[in-house]
Amino acid sequence: MVALLVGVFSLSAFGVVYFLMRGSTVEVPNVVGKTETDAAEALEDAGLRMLVKGRAQNDNIPAHTVSDQSPAPGAIVKTGQFVRVSVSLGTSPTQTN
């Protein structure tokens, strides 16, 4: 009976610790304007993961720079969550005739 109680207690304690660690929250850092590499590092340091949702030409934002993110900077999210970013490919190529 004692062994059964110890086993149940151990499993319960493990479950509580697991959900407490899994349930941590963090503020999303602002990665817009950072290079793709710097953005990934900043998000990883915050306990988040980066997912590139798209890449597009942008005449106003240098190549390999984050142009948009979701969730927005300052949002409170669970650790381990993905932050979706768009990455600039830089200026549009000019046509020569």
PDB file of N, CA and C in Angstrom:
ATOM      1  N   MET A   1       0.822  -1.197   0.000  1.00  0.00           N
ATOM      2  CA  MET A   1       0.000   0.000   0.000  1.00  0.00           C
ATOM      3  C   MET A   1       0.870   1.267   0.000  1.00  0.00           C
ATOM      4  N   VAL A   2       1.940   1.235   0.802  1.00  0.00           N
ATOM      5  CA  VAL A   2       2.843   2.380   0.878  1.00  0.00           C
ATOM      6  C   VAL A   2       3.513   2.598  -0.481  1.00  0.00           C
ATOM      7  N   ALA A   3       3.918   1.513  -1.124  1.00  0.00           N
ATOM      8  CA  ALA A   3       4.563   1.624  -2.442  1.00  0.00           C
ATOM      9  C   ALA A   3       3.597   2.240  -3.455  1.00  0.00           C
ATOM     10  N   LEU A   4       2.343   1.871  -3.373  1.00  0.00           N
ATOM     11  CA  LEU A   4       1.330   2.432  -4.276  1.00  0.00           C
ATOM     12  C   LEU A   4       1.168   3.927  -4.029  1.00  0.00           C
ATOM     13  N   LEU A   5       1.113   4.341  -2.788  1.00  0.00           N
ATOM     14  CA  LEU A   5       0.983   5.759  -2.461  1.00  0.00           C
ATOM     15  C   LEU A   5       2.206   6.556  -2.914  1.00  0.00           C
ATOM     16  N   VAL A   6       3.391   5.992  -2.721  1.00  0.00           N
ATOM     17  CA  VAL A   6       4.615   6.659  -3.170  1.00  0.00           C
ATOM     18  C   VAL A   6       4.597   6.805  -4.689  1.00  0.00           C
ATOM     19  N   GLY A   7       4.170   5.771  -5.394  1.00  0.00           N
ATOM     20  CA  GLY A   7       4.085   5.818  -6.849  1.00  0.00           C
ATOM     21  C   GLY A   7       3.105   6.869  -7.329  1.00  0.00           C
ATOM     22  N   VAL A   8       1.940   6.936  -6.710  1.00  0.00           N
ATOM     23  CA  VAL A   8       0.934   7.929  -7.081  1.00  0.00           C
ATOM     24  C   VAL A   8       1.449   9.337  -6.790  1.00  0.00           C
ATOM     25  N   PHE A   9       2.077   9.525  -5.644  1.00  0.00           N
ATOM     26  CA  PHE A   9       2.630  10.827  -5.292  1.00  0.00           C
ATOM     27  C   PHE A   9       3.702  11.253  -6.288  1.00  0.00           C
ATOM     28  N   SER A  10       4.580  10.328  -6.658  1.00  0.00           N
ATOM     29  CA  SER A  10       5.656  10.638  -7.605  1.00  0.00           C
ATOM     30  C   SER A  10       5.090  11.055  -8.956  1.00  0.00           C
ATOM     31  N   LEU A  11       4.115  10.319  -9.443  1.00  0.00           N
ATOM     32  CA  LEU A  11       3.489  10.672 -10.718  1.00  0.00           C
ATOM     33  C   LEU A  11       2.782  12.018 -10.633  1.00  0.00           C
ATOM     34  N   SER A  12       2.118  12.266  -9.531  1.00  0.00           N
ATOM     35  CA  SER A  12       1.433  13.547  -9.354  1.00  0.00           C
ATOM     36  C   SER A  12       2.425  14.701  -9.327  1.00  0.00           C
ATOM     37  N   ALA A  13       3.518  14.535  -8.601  1.00  0.00           N
ATOM     38  CA  ALA A  13       4.538  15.582  -8.519  1.00  0.00           C
ATOM     39  C   ALA A  13       5.139  15.839  -9.892  1.00  0.00           C
ATOM     40  N   PHE A  14       5.429  14.777 -10.636  1.00  0.00           N
ATOM     41  CA  PHE A  14       5.969  14.934 -11.980  1.00  0.00           C
ATOM     42  C   PHE A  14       4.975  15.700 -12.855  1.00  0.00           C
ATOM     43  N   GLY A  15       3.703  15.365 -12.771  1.00  0.00           N
ATOM     44  CA  GLY A  15       2.672  16.037 -13.566  1.00  0.00           C
ATOM     45  C   GLY A  15       2.580  17.520 -13.245  1.00  0.00           C
ATOM     46  N   VAL A  16       2.651  17.868 -11.992  1.00  0.00           N
ATOM     47  CA  VAL A  16       2.575  19.269 -11.581  1.00  0.00           C
ATOM     48  C   VAL A  16       3.781  20.037 -12.118  1.00  0.00           C
ATOM     49  N   VAL A  17       4.975  19.486 -11.955  1.00  0.00           N
ATOM     50  CA  VAL A  17       6.187  20.139 -12.439  1.00  0.00           C
ATOM     51  C   VAL A  17       6.123  20.286 -13.955  1.00  0.00           C
ATOM     52  N   TYR A  18       5.698  19.245 -14.656  1.00  0.00           N
ATOM     53  CA  TYR A  18       5.604  19.292 -16.116  1.00  0.00           C
ATOM     54  C   TYR A  18       4.673  20.425 -16.557  1.00  0.00           C
ATOM     55  N   PHE A  19       3.497  20.524 -15.985  1.00  0.00           N
ATOM     56  CA  PHE A  19       2.552  21.550 -16.404  1.00  0.00           C
ATOM     57  C   PHE A  19       2.980  22.946 -15.975  1.00  0.00           C
ATOM     58  N   LEU A  20       3.668  23.074 -14.847  1.00  0.00           N
ATOM     59  CA  LEU A  20       4.179  24.383 -14.450  1.00  0.00           C
ATOM     60  C   LEU A  20       5.251  24.864 -15.418  1.00  0.00           C
ATOM     61  N   MET A  21       6.153  23.972 -15.812  1.00  0.00           N
ATOM     62  CA  MET A  21       7.221  24.356 -16.737  1.00  0.00           C
ATOM     63  C   MET A  21       6.646  24.633 -18.122  1.00  0.00           C
ATOM     64  N   ARG A  22       5.711  23.812 -18.529  1.00  0.00           N
ATOM     65  CA  ARG A  22       5.108  23.954 -19.847  1.00  0.00           C
ATOM     66  C   ARG A  22       4.232  25.202 -19.912  1.00  0.00           C
ATOM     67  N   GLY A  23       3.732  25.636 -18.795  1.00  0.00           N
ATOM     68  CA  GLY A  23       2.809  26.747 -18.757  1.00  0.00           C
ATOM     69  C   GLY A  23       3.461  28.105 -18.572  1.00  0.00           C
ATOM     70  N   SER A  24       4.786  28.180 -18.638  1.00  0.00           N
ATOM     71  CA  SER A  24       5.464  29.461 -18.463  1.00  0.00           C
ATOM     72  C   SER A  24       5.078  30.408 -19.592  1.00  0.00           C
ATOM     73  N   THR A  25       5.042  31.685 -19.268  1.00  0.00           N
ATOM     74  CA  THR A  25       4.730  32.684 -20.283  1.00  0.00           C
ATOM     75  C   THR A  25       5.904  33.629 -20.450  1.00  0.00           C
ATOM     76  N   VAL A  26       5.927  34.284 -21.596  1.00  0.00           N
ATOM     77  CA  VAL A  26       7.016  35.191 -21.933  1.00  0.00           C
ATOM     78  C   VAL A  26       6.452  36.302 -22.817  1.00  0.00           C
ATOM     79  N   GLU A  27       7.089  37.461 -22.764  1.00  0.00           N
ATOM     80  CA  GLU A  27       6.717  38.572 -23.632  1.00  0.00           C
ATOM     81  C   GLU A  27       7.455  38.424 -24.958  1.00  0.00           C
ATOM     82  N   VAL A  28       6.723  38.554 -26.055  1.00  0.00           N
ATOM     83  CA  VAL A  28       7.320  38.411 -27.382  1.00  0.00           C
ATOM     84  C   VAL A  28       8.213  39.622 -27.665  1.00  0.00           C
ATOM     85  N   PRO A  29       9.494  39.378 -27.983  1.00  0.00           N
ATOM     86  CA  PRO A  29      10.380  40.502 -28.308  1.00  0.00           C
ATOM     87  C   PRO A  29      10.082  41.046 -29.704  1.00  0.00           C
ATOM     88  N   ASN A  30      10.485  42.279 -29.947  1.00  0.00           N
ATOM     89  CA  ASN A  30      10.336  42.886 -31.261  1.00  0.00           C
ATOM     90  C   ASN A  30      11.524  42.461 -32.118  1.00  0.00           C
ATOM     91  N   VAL A  31      11.245  41.709 -33.196  1.00  0.00           N
ATOM     92  CA  VAL A  31      12.317  41.269 -34.080  1.00  0.00           C
ATOM     93  C   VAL A  31      12.238  41.926 -35.460  1.00  0.00           C
ATOM     94  N   VAL A  32      11.244  42.796 -35.661  1.00  0.00           N
ATOM     95  CA  VAL A  32      11.130  43.511 -36.932  1.00  0.00           C
ATOM     96  C   VAL A  32      12.349  44.413 -37.089  1.00  0.00           C
ATOM     97  N   GLY A  33      12.988  44.346 -38.266  1.00  0.00           N
ATOM     98  CA  GLY A  33      14.186  45.132 -38.525  1.00  0.00           C
ATOM     99  C   GLY A  33      15.476  44.391 -38.208  1.00  0.00           C
ATOM    100  N   LYS A  34      15.369  43.240 -37.540  1.00  0.00           N
ATOM    101  CA  LYS A  34      16.560  42.439 -37.251  1.00  0.00           C
ATOM    102  C   LYS A  34      16.832  41.506 -38.430  1.00  0.00           C
ATOM    103  N   THR A  35      18.085  41.095 -38.568  1.00  0.00           N
ATOM    104  CA  THR A  35      18.389  40.098 -39.584  1.00  0.00           C
ATOM    105  C   THR A  35      17.701  38.791 -39.194  1.00  0.00           C
ATOM    106  N   GLU A  36      17.525  37.933 -40.160  1.00  0.00           N
ATOM    107  CA  GLU A  36      16.868  36.653 -39.904  1.00  0.00           C
ATOM    108  C   GLU A  36      17.597  35.878 -38.804  1.00  0.00           C
ATOM    109  N   THR A  37      18.910  35.879 -38.846  1.00  0.00           N
ATOM    110  CA  THR A  37      19.715  35.172 -37.846  1.00  0.00           C
ATOM    111  C   THR A  37      19.558  35.792 -36.462  1.00  0.00           C
ATOM    112  N   ASP A  38      19.648  37.123 -36.385  1.00  0.00           N
ATOM    113  CA  ASP A  38      19.507  37.808 -35.087  1.00  0.00           C
ATOM    114  C   ASP A  38      18.107  37.621 -34.516  1.00  0.00           C
ATOM    115  N   ALA A  39      17.105  37.630 -35.375  1.00  0.00           N
ATOM    116  CA  ALA A  39      15.720  37.439 -34.927  1.00  0.00           C
ATOM    117  C   ALA A  39      15.546  36.046 -34.330  1.00  0.00           C
ATOM    118  N   ALA A  40      16.081  35.036 -35.017  1.00  0.00           N
ATOM    119  CA  ALA A  40      15.971  33.661 -34.509  1.00  0.00           C
ATOM    120  C   ALA A  40      16.650  33.531 -33.155  1.00  0.00           C
ATOM    121  N   GLU A  41      17.810  34.160 -33.000  1.00  0.00           N
ATOM    122  CA  GLU A  41      18.530  34.104 -31.717  1.00  0.00           C
ATOM    123  C   GLU A  41      17.753  34.821 -30.612  1.00  0.00           C
ATOM    124  N   ALA A  42      17.180  35.988 -30.918  1.00  0.00           N
ATOM    125  CA  ALA A  42      16.419  36.743 -29.919  1.00  0.00           C
ATOM    126  C   ALA A  42      15.196  35.952 -29.463  1.00  0.00           C
ATOM    127  N   LEU A  43      14.526  35.316 -30.405  1.00  0.00           N
ATOM    128  CA  LEU A  43      13.343  34.530 -30.051  1.00  0.00           C
ATOM    129  C   LEU A  43      13.735  33.293 -29.254  1.00  0.00           C
ATOM    130  N   GLU A  44      14.812  32.650 -29.652  1.00  0.00           N
ATOM    131  CA  GLU A  44      15.283  31.477 -28.909  1.00  0.00           C
ATOM    132  C   GLU A  44      15.674  31.856 -27.486  1.00  0.00           C
ATOM    133  N   ASP A  45      16.341  32.997 -27.331  1.00  0.00           N
ATOM    134  CA  ASP A  45      16.725  33.474 -25.989  1.00  0.00           C
ATOM    135  C   ASP A  45      15.498  33.722 -25.119  1.00  0.00           C
ATOM    136  N   ALA A  46      14.379  34.080 -25.752  1.00  0.00           N
ATOM    137  CA  ALA A  46      13.134  34.331 -25.010  1.00  0.00           C
ATOM    138  C   ALA A  46      12.341  33.052 -24.781  1.00  0.00           C
ATOM    139  N   GLY A  47      12.833  31.929 -25.312  1.00  0.00           N
ATOM    140  CA  GLY A  47      12.115  30.662 -25.136  1.00  0.00           C
ATOM    141  C   GLY A  47      11.072  30.426 -26.208  1.00  0.00           C
ATOM    142  N   LEU A  48      11.218  31.102 -27.346  1.00  0.00           N
ATOM    143  CA  LEU A  48      10.265  30.975 -28.446  1.00  0.00           C
ATOM    144  C   LEU A  48      10.959  30.399 -29.667  1.00  0.00           C
ATOM    145  N   ARG A  49      10.164  30.035 -30.674  1.00  0.00           N
ATOM    146  CA  ARG A  49      10.708  29.495 -31.915  1.00  0.00           C
ATOM    147  C   ARG A  49      10.248  30.365 -33.076  1.00  0.00           C
ATOM    148  N   MET A  50      11.052  30.415 -34.130  1.00  0.00           N
ATOM    149  CA  MET A  50      10.729  31.249 -35.284  1.00  0.00           C
ATOM    150  C   MET A  50      10.303  30.383 -36.459  1.00  0.00           C
ATOM    151  N   LEU A  51       9.272  30.834 -37.157  1.00  0.00           N
ATOM    152  CA  LEU A  51       8.793  30.175 -38.357  1.00  0.00           C
ATOM    153  C   LEU A  51       8.668  31.232 -39.441  1.00  0.00           C
ATOM    154  N   VAL A  52       9.410  31.069 -40.532  1.00  0.00           N
ATOM    155  CA  VAL A  52       9.330  32.026 -41.642  1.00  0.00           C
ATOM    156  C   VAL A  52       8.083  31.683 -42.445  1.00  0.00           C
ATOM    157  N   LYS A  53       7.115  32.615 -42.457  1.00  0.00           N
ATOM    158  CA  LYS A  53       5.859  32.367 -43.162  1.00  0.00           C
ATOM    159  C   LYS A  53       5.919  32.814 -44.615  1.00  0.00           C
ATOM    160  N   GLY A  54       6.916  33.625 -44.957  1.00  0.00           N
ATOM    161  CA  GLY A  54       7.054  34.042 -46.340  1.00  0.00           C
ATOM    162  C   GLY A  54       8.242  34.946 -46.549  1.00  0.00           C
ATOM    163  N   ARG A  55       8.599  35.079 -47.815  1.00  0.00           N
ATOM    164  CA  ARG A  55       9.689  35.965 -48.223  1.00  0.00           C
ATOM    165  C   ARG A  55       9.179  36.763 -49.408  1.00  0.00           C
ATOM    166  N   ALA A  56       9.452  38.063 -49.411  1.00  0.00           N
ATOM    167  CA  ALA A  56       8.959  38.906 -50.495  1.00  0.00           C
ATOM    168  C   ALA A  56       9.903  40.067 -50.740  1.00  0.00           C
ATOM    169  N   GLN A  57       9.889  40.565 -51.976  1.00  0.00           N
ATOM    170  CA  GLN A  57      10.656  41.755 -52.319  1.00  0.00           C
ATOM    171  C   GLN A  57      10.081  42.935 -51.536  1.00  0.00           C
ATOM    172  N   ASN A  58      10.956  43.800 -51.048  1.00  0.00           N
ATOM    173  CA  ASN A  58      10.512  44.989 -50.324  1.00  0.00           C
ATOM    174  C   ASN A  58      11.567  46.070 -50.536  1.00  0.00           C
ATOM    175  N   ASP A  59      11.175  47.126 -51.251  1.00  0.00           N
ATOM    176  CA  ASP A  59      12.122  48.198 -51.571  1.00  0.00           C
ATOM    177  C   ASP A  59      12.552  49.007 -50.354  1.00  0.00           C
ATOM    178  N   ASN A  60      11.819  48.904 -49.252  1.00  0.00           N
ATOM    179  CA  ASN A  60      12.101  49.710 -48.065  1.00  0.00           C
ATOM    180  C   ASN A  60      12.856  48.960 -46.972  1.00  0.00           C
ATOM    181  N   ILE A  61      12.986  47.644 -47.117  1.00  0.00           N
ATOM    182  CA  ILE A  61      13.604  46.843 -46.059  1.00  0.00           C
ATOM    183  C   ILE A  61      14.727  46.019 -46.678  1.00  0.00           C
ATOM    184  N   PRO A  62      15.920  46.062 -46.094  1.00  0.00           N
ATOM    185  CA  PRO A  62      17.060  45.319 -46.648  1.00  0.00           C
ATOM    186  C   PRO A  62      16.799  43.809 -46.718  1.00  0.00           C
ATOM    187  N   ALA A  63      17.497  43.144 -47.602  1.00  0.00           N
ATOM    188  CA  ALA A  63      17.387  41.691 -47.742  1.00  0.00           C
ATOM    189  C   ALA A  63      17.757  40.989 -46.442  1.00  0.00           C
ATOM    190  N   HIS A  64      17.095  39.867 -46.197  1.00  0.00           N
ATOM    191  CA  HIS A  64      17.355  38.997 -45.037  1.00  0.00           C
ATOM    192  C   HIS A  64      16.984  39.671 -43.712  1.00  0.00           C
ATOM    193  N   THR A  65      16.075  40.641 -43.777  1.00  0.00           N
ATOM    194  CA  THR A  65      15.630  41.366 -42.587  1.00  0.00           C
ATOM    195  C   THR A  65      14.156  41.068 -42.350  1.00  0.00           C
ATOM    196  N   VAL A  66      13.773  40.907 -41.092  1.00  0.00           N
ATOM    197  CA  VAL A  66      12.373  40.636 -40.742  1.00  0.00           C
ATOM    198  C   VAL A  66      11.550  41.885 -41.001  1.00  0.00           C
ATOM    199  N   SER A  67      10.468  41.726 -41.764  1.00  0.00           N
ATOM    200  CA  SER A  67       9.608  42.852 -42.102  1.00  0.00           C
ATOM    201  C   SER A  67       8.279  42.833 -41.348  1.00  0.00           C
ATOM    202  N   ASP A  68       7.924  41.681 -40.774  1.00  0.00           N
ATOM    203  CA  ASP A  68       6.632  41.548 -40.085  1.00  0.00           C
ATOM    204  C   ASP A  68       6.722  40.358 -39.144  1.00  0.00           C
ATOM    205  N   GLN A  69       5.950  40.426 -38.045  1.00  0.00           N
ATOM    206  CA  GLN A  69       5.909  39.298 -37.122  1.00  0.00           C
ATOM    207  C   GLN A  69       4.528  39.147 -36.506  1.00  0.00           C
ATOM    208  N   SER A  70       4.221  37.912 -36.124  1.00  0.00           N
ATOM    209  CA  SER A  70       2.966  37.604 -35.436  1.00  0.00           C
ATOM    210  C   SER A  70       3.241  36.422 -34.516  1.00  0.00           C
ATOM    211  N   PRO A  71       2.896  36.528 -33.238  1.00  0.00           N
ATOM    212  CA  PRO A  71       2.240  37.599 -32.518  1.00  0.00           C
ATOM    213  C   PRO A  71       3.088  38.875 -32.465  1.00  0.00           C
ATOM    214  N   ALA A  72       2.400  39.952 -32.209  1.00  0.00           N
ATOM    215  CA  ALA A  72       3.028  41.274 -32.168  1.00  0.00           C
ATOM    216  C   ALA A  72       3.984  41.392 -30.982  1.00  0.00           C
ATOM    217  N   PRO A  73       4.976  42.285 -31.096  1.00  0.00           N
ATOM    218  CA  PRO A  73       5.877  42.533 -29.969  1.00  0.00           C
ATOM    219  C   PRO A  73       5.086  42.937 -28.724  1.00  0.00           C
ATOM    220  N   GLY A  74       5.492  42.400 -27.588  1.00  0.00           N
ATOM    221  CA  GLY A  74       4.825  42.735 -26.335  1.00  0.00           C
ATOM    222  C   GLY A  74       3.711  41.777 -25.955  1.00  0.00           C
ATOM    223  N   ALA A  75       3.266  40.944 -26.900  1.00  0.00           N
ATOM    224  CA  ALA A  75       2.221  39.964 -26.577  1.00  0.00           C
ATOM    225  C   ALA A  75       2.775  38.961 -25.574  1.00  0.00           C
ATOM    226  N   ILE A  76       1.914  38.470 -24.708  1.00  0.00           N
ATOM    227  CA  ILE A  76       2.307  37.461 -23.724  1.00  0.00           C
ATOM    228  C   ILE A  76       1.853  36.107 -24.252  1.00  0.00           C
ATOM    229  N   VAL A  77       2.827  35.196 -24.408  1.00  0.00           N
ATOM    230  CA  VAL A  77       2.538  33.880 -24.962  1.00  0.00           C
ATOM    231  C   VAL A  77       3.226  32.807 -24.126  1.00  0.00           C
ATOM    232  N   LYS A  78       2.870  31.568 -24.372  1.00  0.00           N
ATOM    233  CA  LYS A  78       3.511  30.441 -23.697  1.00  0.00           C
ATOM    234  C   LYS A  78       4.886  30.211 -24.305  1.00  0.00           C
ATOM    235  N   THR A  79       5.827  29.804 -23.493  1.00  0.00           N
ATOM    236  CA  THR A  79       7.151  29.475 -24.009  1.00  0.00           C
ATOM    237  C   THR A  79       7.028  28.311 -24.980  1.00  0.00           C
ATOM    238  N   GLY A  80       7.924  28.297 -25.954  1.00  0.00           N
ATOM    239  CA  GLY A  80       7.906  27.245 -26.955  1.00  0.00           C
ATOM    240  C   GLY A  80       7.037  27.548 -28.159  1.00  0.00           C
ATOM    241  N   GLN A  81       6.247  28.618 -28.068  1.00  0.00           N
ATOM    242  CA  GLN A  81       5.344  28.964 -29.165  1.00  0.00           C
ATOM    243  C   GLN A  81       6.143  29.482 -30.363  1.00  0.00           C
ATOM    244  N   PHE A  82       5.571  29.299 -31.555  1.00  0.00           N
ATOM    245  CA  PHE A  82       6.178  29.843 -32.777  1.00  0.00           C
ATOM    246  C   PHE A  82       5.810  31.304 -32.944  1.00  0.00           C
ATOM    247  N   VAL A  83       6.772  32.098 -33.372  1.00  0.00           N
ATOM    248  CA  VAL A  83       6.529  33.465 -33.821  1.00  0.00           C
ATOM    249  C   VAL A  83       6.743  33.425 -35.328  1.00  0.00           C
ATOM    250  N   ARG A  84       5.685  33.767 -36.071  1.00  0.00           N
ATOM    251  CA  ARG A  84       5.742  33.735 -37.527  1.00  0.00           C
ATOM    252  C   ARG A  84       6.279  35.067 -38.036  1.00  0.00           C
ATOM    253  N   VAL A  85       7.245  34.998 -38.936  1.00  0.00           N
ATOM    254  CA  VAL A  85       7.852  36.216 -39.456  1.00  0.00           C
ATOM    255  C   VAL A  85       7.848  36.201 -40.984  1.00  0.00           C
ATOM    256  N   SER A  86       7.838  37.388 -41.566  1.00  0.00           N
ATOM    257  CA  SER A  86       8.063  37.573 -42.997  1.00  0.00           C
ATOM    258  C   SER A  86       9.453  38.155 -43.145  1.00  0.00           C
ATOM    259  N   VAL A  87      10.178  37.698 -44.165  1.00  0.00           N
ATOM    260  CA  VAL A  87      11.554  38.130 -44.380  1.00  0.00           C
ATOM    261  C   VAL A  87      11.648  38.815 -45.737  1.00  0.00           C
ATOM    262  N   SER A  88      12.299  39.962 -45.745  1.00  0.00           N
ATOM    263  CA  SER A  88      12.477  40.723 -46.975  1.00  0.00           C
ATOM    264  C   SER A  88      13.544  40.092 -47.857  1.00  0.00           C
ATOM    265  N   LEU A  89      13.290  40.131 -49.168  1.00  0.00           N
ATOM    266  CA  LEU A  89      14.286  39.717 -50.142  1.00  0.00           C
ATOM    267  C   LEU A  89      15.051  40.905 -50.686  1.00  0.00           C
ATOM    268  N   GLY A  90      14.756  42.086 -50.148  1.00  0.00           N
ATOM    269  CA  GLY A  90      15.424  43.304 -50.593  1.00  0.00           C
ATOM    270  C   GLY A  90      14.679  43.961 -51.745  1.00  0.00           C
ATOM    271  N   THR A  91      15.386  44.847 -52.427  1.00  0.00           N
ATOM    272  CA  THR A  91      14.756  45.597 -53.511  1.00  0.00           C
ATOM    273  C   THR A  91      14.442  44.719 -54.702  1.00  0.00           C
ATOM    274  N   SER A  92      13.435  45.133 -55.431  1.00  0.00           N
ATOM    275  CA  SER A  92      13.055  44.406 -56.645  1.00  0.00           C
ATOM    276  C   SER A  92      14.154  44.547 -57.679  1.00  0.00           C
ATOM    277  N   PRO A  93      14.417  43.481 -58.415  1.00  0.00           N
ATOM    278  CA  PRO A  93      15.436  43.621 -59.472  1.00  0.00           C
ATOM    279  C   PRO A  93      14.945  44.589 -60.547  1.00  0.00           C
ATOM    280  N   THR A  94      15.835  45.420 -61.024  1.00  0.00           N
ATOM    281  CA  THR A  94      15.451  46.383 -62.066  1.00  0.00           C
ATOM    282  C   THR A  94      15.613  45.734 -63.409  1.00  0.00           C
ATOM    283  N   GLN A  95      14.734  46.112 -64.313  1.00  0.00           N
ATOM    284  CA  GLN A  95      14.797  45.579 -65.665  1.00  0.00           C
ATOM    285  C   GLN A  95      15.699  46.457 -66.509  1.00  0.00           C
ATOM    286  N   THR A  96      16.545  45.819 -67.261  1.00  0.00           N
ATOM    287  CA  THR A  96      17.401  46.590 -68.185  1.00  0.00           C
ATOM    288  C   THR A  96      16.981  46.273 -69.598  1.00  0.00           C
ATOM    289  N   ASN A  97      16.934  47.285 -70.440  1.00  0.00           N
ATOM    290  CA  ASN A  97      16.543  47.090 -71.852  1.00  0.00           C
ATOM    291  C   ASN A  97      17.697  47.265 -72.740  1.00  0.00           C
TER     292      ASN A  97
END
